[in-house]
Amino acid sequence: CPSCRRIVIGHALRNDFKVLMLSHPKNLVRDTALFGPFKEQGALGPRQRKLKVLAEEILGLKIQTGEHNPAEDALAALRLYKLHQGEFEREARREQNRNAARSGKKRK
């Protein structure tokens, strides 16, 4: 399927996929909620941060101040991804290599 080769970018996408009853190949998902450098260290380990907080701290944007605006959220997640795209892609390649090693196949 052509859309199965596209990268999906967003924040806490698992929730959206669940509600929409959709799935997408994990290696083609870039989720700002799961991105290591965006997490904060909590008492029990790394914790996901809210998109509203990330947008304000990293982008200087105030979002989610009134009525929910999914387009505003999507744009903030996309801007966060683009700002750190190289790191996102390196992290995705490392994960893909770990998965390939587990299954006995090494990818470059």
Protein backbone atom coordinates (compact mmCIF):
# COMPACT_ATOMS: atom_id res chain seq x y z
CA CYS A 1 0.00 0.00 0.00
CA PRO A 2 1.47 3.39 -0.97
CA SER A 3 0.60 5.12 2.31
CA CYS A 4 2.37 2.36 4.26
CA ARG A 5 5.73 3.76 3.06
CA ARG A 6 5.09 7.27 4.39
CA ILE A 7 6.41 8.58 7.65
CA VAL A 8 3.69 9.64 10.10
CA ILE A 9 4.68 12.46 12.47
CA GLY A 10 2.73 13.50 15.55
CA HIS A 11 2.50 13.45 19.33
CA ALA A 12 1.23 10.44 21.29
CA LEU A 13 0.15 8.82 18.03
CA ARG A 14 -0.73 5.53 19.69
CA ASN A 15 -3.87 7.19 21.05
CA ASP A 16 -4.85 8.55 17.63
CA PHE A 17 -4.20 5.23 15.88
CA LYS A 18 -6.26 3.40 18.51
CA VAL A 19 -9.27 5.74 18.25
CA LEU A 20 -9.14 5.65 14.44
CA MET A 21 -8.59 1.87 14.44
CA LEU A 22 -5.50 2.33 12.25
CA SER A 23 -2.02 0.92 12.31
CA HIS A 24 1.19 1.99 10.62
CA PRO A 25 4.61 0.32 10.44
CA LYS A 26 6.46 1.26 13.64
CA ASN A 27 9.64 2.08 11.72
CA LEU A 28 7.71 4.80 9.85
CA VAL A 29 6.27 6.55 12.92
CA ARG A 30 7.99 9.62 14.41
CA ASP A 31 6.28 10.32 17.71
CA THR A 32 7.42 13.41 19.61
CA ALA A 33 6.01 11.92 22.83
CA LEU A 34 8.38 8.94 22.56
CA PHE A 35 11.47 10.82 21.37
CA GLY A 36 14.20 10.36 23.99
CA PRO A 37 15.57 13.93 24.09
CA PHE A 38 12.06 15.31 24.67
CA LYS A 39 11.39 13.15 27.74
CA GLU A 40 12.00 14.33 31.28
CA GLN A 41 13.59 12.27 34.00
CA GLY A 42 11.07 11.28 36.61
CA ALA A 43 11.52 9.33 39.84
CA LEU A 44 10.60 6.12 38.01
CA GLY A 45 12.53 6.84 34.81
CA PRO A 46 11.95 8.85 31.64
CA ARG A 47 8.47 10.39 31.31
CA GLN A 48 6.65 11.71 28.29
CA ARG A 49 5.99 15.43 28.26
CA LYS A 50 2.86 17.13 27.00
CA LEU A 51 2.91 18.66 23.53
CA LYS A 52 1.81 21.97 25.03
CA VAL A 53 4.92 22.04 27.25
CA LEU A 54 7.30 20.97 24.46
CA ALA A 55 5.90 23.58 22.08
CA GLU A 56 6.34 26.36 24.61
CA GLU A 57 9.78 25.32 25.88
CA ILE A 58 11.38 24.35 22.58
CA LEU A 59 9.51 26.37 19.96
CA GLY A 60 8.35 29.32 22.04
CA LEU A 61 4.77 28.63 20.92
CA LYS A 62 1.70 28.80 23.13
CA ILE A 63 -0.75 26.14 21.96
CA GLN A 64 -3.87 24.56 23.44
CA THR A 65 -4.88 27.81 25.11
CA GLY A 66 -8.54 27.63 24.13
CA GLU A 67 -10.64 25.23 22.14
CA HIS A 68 -8.80 22.11 20.97
CA ASN A 69 -7.25 22.63 17.56
CA PRO A 70 -5.84 19.40 16.05
CA ALA A 71 -4.23 21.31 13.17
CA GLU A 72 -2.32 23.47 15.65
CA ASP A 73 -1.15 20.33 17.49
CA ALA A 74 -0.09 18.66 14.24
CA LEU A 75 1.86 21.72 13.15
CA ALA A 76 3.64 21.95 16.52
CA ALA A 77 4.60 18.24 16.37
CA LEU A 78 5.85 18.68 12.80
CA ARG A 79 7.92 21.72 13.77
CA LEU A 80 9.44 19.80 16.71
CA TYR A 81 10.30 16.92 14.38
CA LYS A 82 11.86 19.18 11.74
CA LEU A 83 13.95 20.97 14.36
CA HIS A 84 15.42 17.60 15.45
CA GLN A 85 14.97 15.58 12.26
CA GLY A 86 18.54 14.25 12.16
CA GLU A 87 18.27 12.93 15.71
CA PHE A 88 14.83 11.42 15.05
CA GLU A 89 16.15 9.58 12.00
CA ARG A 90 19.31 8.35 13.78
CA GLU A 91 17.14 7.04 16.62
CA ALA A 92 14.82 5.33 14.10
CA ARG A 93 17.80 3.68 12.34
CA ARG A 94 19.23 2.44 15.66
CA GLU A 95 15.85 0.94 16.57
CA GLN A 96 15.57 -0.67 13.14
CA ASN A 97 19.08 -2.15 13.50
CA ARG A 98 18.26 -3.50 16.98
CA ASN A 99 15.11 -5.14 15.65
CA ALA A 100 16.98 -6.57 12.66
CA ALA A 101 19.70 -7.95 14.95
CA ARG A 102 17.05 -9.62 17.11
CA SER A 103 15.57 -11.30 14.06
CA GLY A 104 19.03 -12.26 12.74
CA LYS A 105 19.20 -9.75 9.87
CA LYS A 106 21.45 -6.68 9.91
CA ARG A 107 20.38 -3.56 7.96
CA LYS A 108 22.56 -0.61 7.02
